[in-house]
Amino acid sequence: VSSPSPTSISSCWSPPPFGELKLNVDIAVDEVHGASGLGLIIRDLLAMFEVLLLLELSLTSHLI
């Protein structure tokens, strides 16, 4: 049984309107090792970081 190959999606970040913030979230899952990670970033119009959060998570059940 072969495992699926990683998928990569290329995209370009677009800034939020003036006076607003933009939230971007990403998650990565490694089912083989039972690990995952979550990244969260909030940026303003000039792409300045307002909030940056990185979390390492462990999986306790299979994903559907």
N, C-alpha and C. Protein backbone atom coordinates (compact mmCIF):
# COMPACT_ATOMS: atom_id res chain seq x y z
N VAL A 1 0.85 -1.18 0.00
CA VAL A 1 0.00 0.00 0.00
C VAL A 1 0.89 1.23 0.00
N SER A 2 0.69 2.08 -0.96
CA SER A 2 1.49 3.30 -1.02
C SER A 2 0.72 4.45 -0.39
N SER A 3 1.47 5.35 0.20
CA SER A 3 0.84 6.52 0.82
C SER A 3 0.70 7.62 -0.23
N PRO A 4 -0.29 8.48 -0.08
CA PRO A 4 -0.48 9.56 -1.05
C PRO A 4 0.69 10.53 -1.01
N SER A 5 1.01 11.07 -2.17
CA SER A 5 2.10 12.05 -2.21
C SER A 5 1.62 13.38 -1.67
N PRO A 6 2.53 14.18 -1.08
CA PRO A 6 2.14 15.48 -0.52
C PRO A 6 1.56 16.39 -1.60
N THR A 7 0.63 17.20 -1.22
CA THR A 7 0.00 18.14 -2.13
C THR A 7 0.47 19.55 -1.78
N SER A 8 0.80 20.31 -2.80
CA SER A 8 1.24 21.69 -2.59
C SER A 8 0.38 22.61 -3.44
N ILE A 9 -0.11 23.65 -2.83
CA ILE A 9 -0.93 24.63 -3.54
C ILE A 9 -0.21 25.97 -3.48
N SER A 10 0.03 26.54 -4.62
CA SER A 10 0.71 27.83 -4.68
C SER A 10 -0.35 28.93 -4.82
N SER A 11 -0.24 29.94 -3.98
CA SER A 11 -1.18 31.05 -4.05
C SER A 11 -0.47 32.33 -3.63
N CYS A 12 -1.09 33.43 -3.90
CA CYS A 12 -0.52 34.73 -3.58
C CYS A 12 -1.40 35.41 -2.53
N TRP A 13 -0.77 35.94 -1.50
CA TRP A 13 -1.51 36.60 -0.43
C TRP A 13 -2.00 37.95 -0.93
N SER A 14 -3.25 38.27 -0.64
CA SER A 14 -3.79 39.58 -0.99
C SER A 14 -4.14 40.30 0.30
N PRO A 15 -3.79 41.58 0.40
CA PRO A 15 -4.01 42.32 1.65
C PRO A 15 -5.49 42.60 1.90
N PRO A 16 -5.84 42.83 3.17
CA PRO A 16 -7.22 43.18 3.50
C PRO A 16 -7.49 44.65 3.17
N PRO A 17 -8.74 45.05 3.14
CA PRO A 17 -9.07 46.46 2.93
C PRO A 17 -8.50 47.33 4.07
N PHE A 18 -8.35 48.61 3.81
CA PHE A 18 -7.84 49.56 4.80
C PHE A 18 -8.68 49.49 6.08
N GLY A 19 -8.01 49.45 7.22
CA GLY A 19 -8.69 49.44 8.51
C GLY A 19 -9.13 48.06 8.97
N GLU A 20 -8.86 47.03 8.17
CA GLU A 20 -9.24 45.67 8.55
C GLU A 20 -8.00 44.80 8.70
N LEU A 21 -8.17 43.65 9.33
CA LEU A 21 -7.10 42.67 9.48
C LEU A 21 -7.49 41.41 8.74
N LYS A 22 -6.50 40.61 8.37
CA LYS A 22 -6.76 39.37 7.65
C LYS A 22 -6.19 38.20 8.42
N LEU A 23 -6.99 37.15 8.57
CA LEU A 23 -6.60 35.94 9.29
C LEU A 23 -6.31 34.83 8.28
N ASN A 24 -5.13 34.23 8.36
CA ASN A 24 -4.78 33.08 7.56
C ASN A 24 -4.44 31.93 8.49
N VAL A 25 -4.95 30.74 8.17
CA VAL A 25 -4.74 29.54 8.99
C VAL A 25 -4.27 28.41 8.09
N ASP A 26 -3.34 27.61 8.59
CA ASP A 26 -2.86 26.45 7.85
C ASP A 26 -2.62 25.31 8.83
N ILE A 27 -2.82 24.09 8.37
CA ILE A 27 -2.58 22.93 9.21
C ILE A 27 -1.85 21.88 8.39
N ALA A 28 -0.94 21.16 9.03
CA ALA A 28 -0.23 20.05 8.40
C ALA A 28 -0.42 18.82 9.28
N VAL A 29 -0.63 17.67 8.63
CA VAL A 29 -0.89 16.43 9.36
C VAL A 29 0.07 15.35 8.88
N ASP A 30 0.70 14.67 9.83
CA ASP A 30 1.55 13.51 9.56
C ASP A 30 0.90 12.32 10.25
N GLU A 31 0.08 11.58 9.51
CA GLU A 31 -0.64 10.45 10.10
C GLU A 31 0.30 9.32 10.49
N VAL A 32 1.41 9.17 9.80
CA VAL A 32 2.36 8.10 10.09
C VAL A 32 2.94 8.26 11.49
N HIS A 33 3.33 9.47 11.85
CA HIS A 33 3.95 9.73 13.14
C HIS A 33 2.96 10.27 14.18
N GLY A 34 1.70 10.45 13.79
CA GLY A 34 0.69 10.93 14.73
C GLY A 34 0.91 12.35 15.19
N ALA A 35 1.41 13.18 14.30
CA ALA A 35 1.68 14.57 14.67
C ALA A 35 0.99 15.51 13.70
N SER A 36 0.73 16.70 14.16
CA SER A 36 0.18 17.74 13.30
C SER A 36 0.57 19.09 13.84
N GLY A 37 0.45 20.09 13.01
CA GLY A 37 0.78 21.44 13.43
C GLY A 37 -0.23 22.42 12.87
N LEU A 38 -0.44 23.48 13.61
CA LEU A 38 -1.39 24.51 13.23
C LEU A 38 -0.67 25.85 13.25
N GLY A 39 -0.85 26.62 12.21
CA GLY A 39 -0.28 27.96 12.15
C GLY A 39 -1.38 28.98 11.91
N LEU A 40 -1.31 30.10 12.61
CA LEU A 40 -2.30 31.15 12.50
C LEU A 40 -1.56 32.48 12.44
N ILE A 41 -1.95 33.32 11.51
CA ILE A 41 -1.32 34.64 11.41
C ILE A 41 -2.39 35.67 11.08
N ILE A 42 -2.28 36.83 11.71
CA ILE A 42 -3.16 37.95 11.44
C ILE A 42 -2.28 39.10 10.96
N ARG A 43 -2.61 39.63 9.78
CA ARG A 43 -1.80 40.71 9.21
C ARG A 43 -2.68 41.89 8.81
N ASP A 44 -2.05 43.06 8.74
CA ASP A 44 -2.76 44.26 8.32
C ASP A 44 -2.51 44.55 6.84
N LEU A 45 -2.95 45.70 6.38
CA LEU A 45 -2.84 46.10 4.99
C LEU A 45 -1.40 46.07 4.48
N LEU A 46 -0.44 46.40 5.33
CA LEU A 46 0.97 46.43 4.93
C LEU A 46 1.67 45.09 5.17
N ALA A 47 0.90 44.07 5.48
CA ALA A 47 1.40 42.71 5.74
C ALA A 47 2.24 42.64 7.01
N MET A 48 2.04 43.61 7.91
CA MET A 48 2.73 43.59 9.20
C MET A 48 2.04 42.57 10.10
N PHE A 49 2.83 41.77 10.81
CA PHE A 49 2.27 40.76 11.69
C PHE A 49 1.62 41.41 12.91
N GLU A 50 0.36 41.10 13.12
CA GLU A 50 -0.34 41.54 14.32
C GLU A 50 -0.32 40.41 15.34
N VAL A 51 -0.54 39.18 14.87
CA VAL A 51 -0.55 38.00 15.73
C VAL A 51 0.05 36.85 14.94
N LEU A 52 0.91 36.07 15.59
CA LEU A 52 1.48 34.87 14.98
C LEU A 52 1.40 33.76 16.01
N LEU A 53 0.81 32.64 15.65
CA LEU A 53 0.64 31.52 16.57
C LEU A 53 0.99 30.23 15.86
N LEU A 54 1.88 29.44 16.46
CA LEU A 54 2.24 28.13 15.94
C LEU A 54 2.02 27.11 17.04
N LEU A 55 1.29 26.05 16.73
CA LEU A 55 1.00 25.01 17.72
C LEU A 55 1.38 23.65 17.17
N GLU A 56 2.02 22.84 18.00
CA GLU A 56 2.27 21.45 17.65
C GLU A 56 1.21 20.62 18.34
N LEU A 57 0.51 19.80 17.57
CA LEU A 57 -0.58 19.00 18.10
C LEU A 57 -0.24 17.53 17.95
N SER A 58 -0.83 16.69 18.77
CA SER A 58 -0.68 15.24 18.58
C SER A 58 -2.05 14.65 18.28
N LEU A 59 -2.07 13.69 17.38
CA LEU A 59 -3.32 13.06 16.98
C LEU A 59 -3.62 11.88 17.88
N THR A 60 -4.85 11.77 18.33
CA THR A 60 -5.23 10.63 19.16
C THR A 60 -6.24 9.73 18.45
N SER A 61 -6.71 10.14 17.28
CA SER A 61 -7.63 9.30 16.52
C SER A 61 -7.39 9.55 15.04
N HIS A 62 -7.93 8.70 14.20
CA HIS A 62 -7.77 8.83 12.76
C HIS A 62 -8.66 9.95 12.23
N LEU A 63 -8.14 10.63 11.23
CA LEU A 63 -8.93 11.67 10.58
C LEU A 63 -9.85 11.04 9.56
N ILE A 64 -10.99 11.63 9.36
CA ILE A 64 -11.95 11.11 8.38
C ILE A 64 -11.77 11.88 7.09
